[in-house]
Amino acid sequence: MADVAIPSAATLSALTAQIDEVLARVGEGAEASDRTPTENLAAALYDAERALRSARRALVRAERSLP
């Protein structure tokens, strides 16, 4: 198996920032879809938003656990 470097705090922080950007875009799409006939789209986007928030929390936890 190839050696894989442990992610640095900077890498995890950058990933968290990227998720923040995606979260904003998904949230905007969900809100825009919520008031139209595309409620199914809104529901799917809200699900994606929840999953992204969970991923963000996991990355923050990972960053805090670094030595």
N, C-alpha and C. Protein backbone atom coordinates (compact mmCIF):
# COMPACT_ATOMS: atom_id res chain seq x y z
N MET A 1 0.85 -1.17 0.00
CA MET A 1 0.00 0.00 0.00
C MET A 1 0.90 1.24 0.00
N ALA A 2 0.53 2.23 -0.79
CA ALA A 2 1.32 3.46 -0.88
C ALA A 2 1.17 4.28 0.39
N ASP A 3 2.25 4.98 0.72
CA ASP A 3 2.20 5.87 1.88
C ASP A 3 1.29 7.05 1.56
N VAL A 4 0.39 7.32 2.45
CA VAL A 4 -0.53 8.45 2.30
C VAL A 4 -0.29 9.39 3.47
N ALA A 5 -0.09 10.65 3.16
CA ALA A 5 0.19 11.64 4.20
C ALA A 5 -1.07 11.92 5.02
N ILE A 6 -0.88 12.11 6.30
CA ILE A 6 -1.97 12.53 7.17
C ILE A 6 -2.33 13.96 6.80
N PRO A 7 -3.62 14.26 6.64
CA PRO A 7 -4.00 15.64 6.29
C PRO A 7 -3.55 16.62 7.36
N SER A 8 -3.10 17.77 6.92
CA SER A 8 -2.67 18.81 7.84
C SER A 8 -3.88 19.63 8.27
N ALA A 9 -3.68 20.43 9.30
CA ALA A 9 -4.74 21.34 9.75
C ALA A 9 -5.13 22.29 8.63
N ALA A 10 -4.14 22.74 7.86
CA ALA A 10 -4.42 23.66 6.76
C ALA A 10 -5.28 22.99 5.69
N THR A 11 -5.00 21.73 5.40
CA THR A 11 -5.79 20.99 4.41
C THR A 11 -7.23 20.83 4.88
N LEU A 12 -7.40 20.44 6.13
CA LEU A 12 -8.75 20.25 6.67
C LEU A 12 -9.50 21.58 6.73
N SER A 13 -8.80 22.64 7.08
CA SER A 13 -9.42 23.95 7.12
C SER A 13 -9.86 24.39 5.72
N ALA A 14 -9.03 24.11 4.72
CA ALA A 14 -9.38 24.45 3.34
C ALA A 14 -10.61 23.67 2.88
N LEU A 15 -10.67 22.40 3.24
CA LEU A 15 -11.84 21.59 2.90
C LEU A 15 -13.10 22.12 3.57
N THR A 16 -12.97 22.53 4.82
CA THR A 16 -14.10 23.10 5.55
C THR A 16 -14.58 24.37 4.86
N ALA A 17 -13.66 25.20 4.41
CA ALA A 17 -14.03 26.43 3.71
C ALA A 17 -14.75 26.12 2.40
N GLN A 18 -14.29 25.10 1.71
CA GLN A 18 -14.96 24.71 0.46
C GLN A 18 -16.37 24.22 0.73
N ILE A 19 -16.53 23.45 1.79
CA ILE A 19 -17.88 22.98 2.15
C ILE A 19 -18.76 24.17 2.51
N ASP A 20 -18.21 25.17 3.20
CA ASP A 20 -18.98 26.36 3.53
C ASP A 20 -19.52 27.04 2.27
N GLU A 21 -18.67 27.12 1.24
CA GLU A 21 -19.10 27.73 -0.03
C GLU A 21 -20.21 26.91 -0.69
N VAL A 22 -20.05 25.61 -0.71
CA VAL A 22 -21.07 24.74 -1.31
C VAL A 22 -22.36 24.81 -0.50
N LEU A 23 -22.23 24.84 0.82
CA LEU A 23 -23.41 24.95 1.69
C LEU A 23 -24.22 26.19 1.35
N ALA A 24 -23.55 27.30 1.15
CA ALA A 24 -24.25 28.54 0.83
C ALA A 24 -25.01 28.40 -0.48
N ARG A 25 -24.36 27.82 -1.47
CA ARG A 25 -25.00 27.67 -2.79
C ARG A 25 -26.18 26.71 -2.73
N VAL A 26 -26.01 25.60 -2.03
CA VAL A 26 -27.10 24.62 -1.92
C VAL A 26 -28.25 25.23 -1.13
N GLY A 27 -27.94 25.94 -0.06
CA GLY A 27 -28.98 26.58 0.74
C GLY A 27 -29.78 27.59 -0.05
N GLU A 28 -29.09 28.38 -0.86
CA GLU A 28 -29.79 29.36 -1.70
C GLU A 28 -30.71 28.66 -2.70
N GLY A 29 -30.23 27.58 -3.28
CA GLY A 29 -31.06 26.83 -4.22
C GLY A 29 -32.26 26.20 -3.55
N ALA A 30 -32.07 25.72 -2.34
CA ALA A 30 -33.17 25.11 -1.61
C ALA A 30 -34.24 26.15 -1.28
N GLU A 31 -33.79 27.30 -0.80
CA GLU A 31 -34.75 28.36 -0.47
C GLU A 31 -35.51 28.83 -1.70
N ALA A 32 -34.80 28.98 -2.82
CA ALA A 32 -35.45 29.43 -4.05
C ALA A 32 -36.46 28.39 -4.55
N SER A 33 -36.15 27.13 -4.37
CA SER A 33 -37.02 26.05 -4.85
C SER A 33 -38.20 25.80 -3.92
N ASP A 34 -38.06 26.23 -2.68
CA ASP A 34 -39.07 25.96 -1.67
C ASP A 34 -40.41 26.63 -1.97
N ARG A 35 -40.38 27.73 -2.67
CA ARG A 35 -41.60 28.50 -2.90
C ARG A 35 -42.11 28.37 -4.33
N THR A 36 -41.74 27.29 -4.96
CA THR A 36 -42.17 27.07 -6.34
C THR A 36 -42.74 25.66 -6.46
N PRO A 37 -43.21 25.32 -7.64
CA PRO A 37 -43.72 23.94 -7.82
C PRO A 37 -42.64 22.87 -7.72
N THR A 38 -41.42 23.26 -7.43
CA THR A 38 -40.32 22.30 -7.37
C THR A 38 -40.01 21.89 -5.93
N GLU A 39 -41.04 21.60 -5.16
CA GLU A 39 -40.84 21.23 -3.76
C GLU A 39 -39.98 19.98 -3.60
N ASN A 40 -40.09 19.04 -4.54
CA ASN A 40 -39.25 17.85 -4.46
C ASN A 40 -37.77 18.21 -4.60
N LEU A 41 -37.49 19.15 -5.46
CA LEU A 41 -36.12 19.65 -5.61
C LEU A 41 -35.66 20.30 -4.30
N ALA A 42 -36.50 21.10 -3.72
CA ALA A 42 -36.16 21.76 -2.46
C ALA A 42 -35.87 20.72 -1.37
N ALA A 43 -36.71 19.70 -1.29
CA ALA A 43 -36.51 18.66 -0.28
C ALA A 43 -35.17 17.97 -0.47
N ALA A 44 -34.82 17.67 -1.72
CA ALA A 44 -33.53 17.02 -2.00
C ALA A 44 -32.37 17.95 -1.64
N LEU A 45 -32.52 19.23 -1.94
CA LEU A 45 -31.45 20.18 -1.61
C LEU A 45 -31.31 20.36 -0.11
N TYR A 46 -32.42 20.36 0.62
CA TYR A 46 -32.33 20.44 2.08
C TYR A 46 -31.65 19.20 2.65
N ASP A 47 -31.92 18.02 2.05
CA ASP A 47 -31.22 16.80 2.46
C ASP A 47 -29.72 16.93 2.22
N ALA A 48 -29.35 17.46 1.06
CA ALA A 48 -27.93 17.66 0.74
C ALA A 48 -27.31 18.65 1.71
N GLU A 49 -28.05 19.69 2.05
CA GLU A 49 -27.55 20.69 2.99
C GLU A 49 -27.27 20.06 4.35
N ARG A 50 -28.18 19.21 4.82
CA ARG A 50 -27.96 18.53 6.10
C ARG A 50 -26.72 17.63 6.04
N ALA A 51 -26.55 16.92 4.94
CA ALA A 51 -25.39 16.04 4.80
C ALA A 51 -24.09 16.85 4.78
N LEU A 52 -24.11 17.99 4.10
CA LEU A 52 -22.93 18.84 4.06
C LEU A 52 -22.61 19.41 5.45
N ARG A 53 -23.64 19.78 6.19
CA ARG A 53 -23.41 20.27 7.57
C ARG A 53 -22.77 19.18 8.43
N SER A 54 -23.24 17.95 8.24
CA SER A 54 -22.66 16.83 8.98
C SER A 54 -21.20 16.61 8.58
N ALA A 55 -20.92 16.69 7.28
CA ALA A 55 -19.54 16.54 6.81
C ALA A 55 -18.66 17.65 7.36
N ARG A 56 -19.19 18.86 7.42
CA ARG A 56 -18.43 20.00 7.95
C ARG A 56 -18.07 19.76 9.42
N ARG A 57 -19.05 19.30 10.19
CA ARG A 57 -18.79 19.02 11.61
C ARG A 57 -17.71 17.94 11.75
N ALA A 58 -17.76 16.92 10.90
CA ALA A 58 -16.76 15.85 10.96
C ALA A 58 -15.37 16.38 10.63
N LEU A 59 -15.27 17.28 9.65
CA LEU A 59 -13.97 17.86 9.32
C LEU A 59 -13.44 18.71 10.46
N VAL A 60 -14.30 19.47 11.11
CA VAL A 60 -13.88 20.28 12.26
C VAL A 60 -13.40 19.37 13.38
N ARG A 61 -14.13 18.29 13.62
CA ARG A 61 -13.72 17.32 14.65
C ARG A 61 -12.36 16.73 14.30
N ALA A 62 -12.17 16.38 13.03
CA ALA A 62 -10.89 15.82 12.59
C ALA A 62 -9.75 16.81 12.81
N GLU A 63 -10.01 18.06 12.46
CA GLU A 63 -8.96 19.07 12.64
C GLU A 63 -8.60 19.24 14.11
N ARG A 64 -9.61 19.21 14.96
CA ARG A 64 -9.34 19.35 16.41
C ARG A 64 -8.57 18.15 16.98
N SER A 65 -8.69 17.00 16.34
CA SER A 65 -8.05 15.81 16.86
C SER A 65 -6.60 15.66 16.41
N LEU A 66 -6.15 16.57 15.55
CA LEU A 66 -4.75 16.50 15.11
C LEU A 66 -3.82 16.80 16.27
N PRO A 67 -2.68 16.11 16.28
CA PRO A 67 -1.70 16.37 17.36
C PRO A 67 -1.07 17.73 17.23
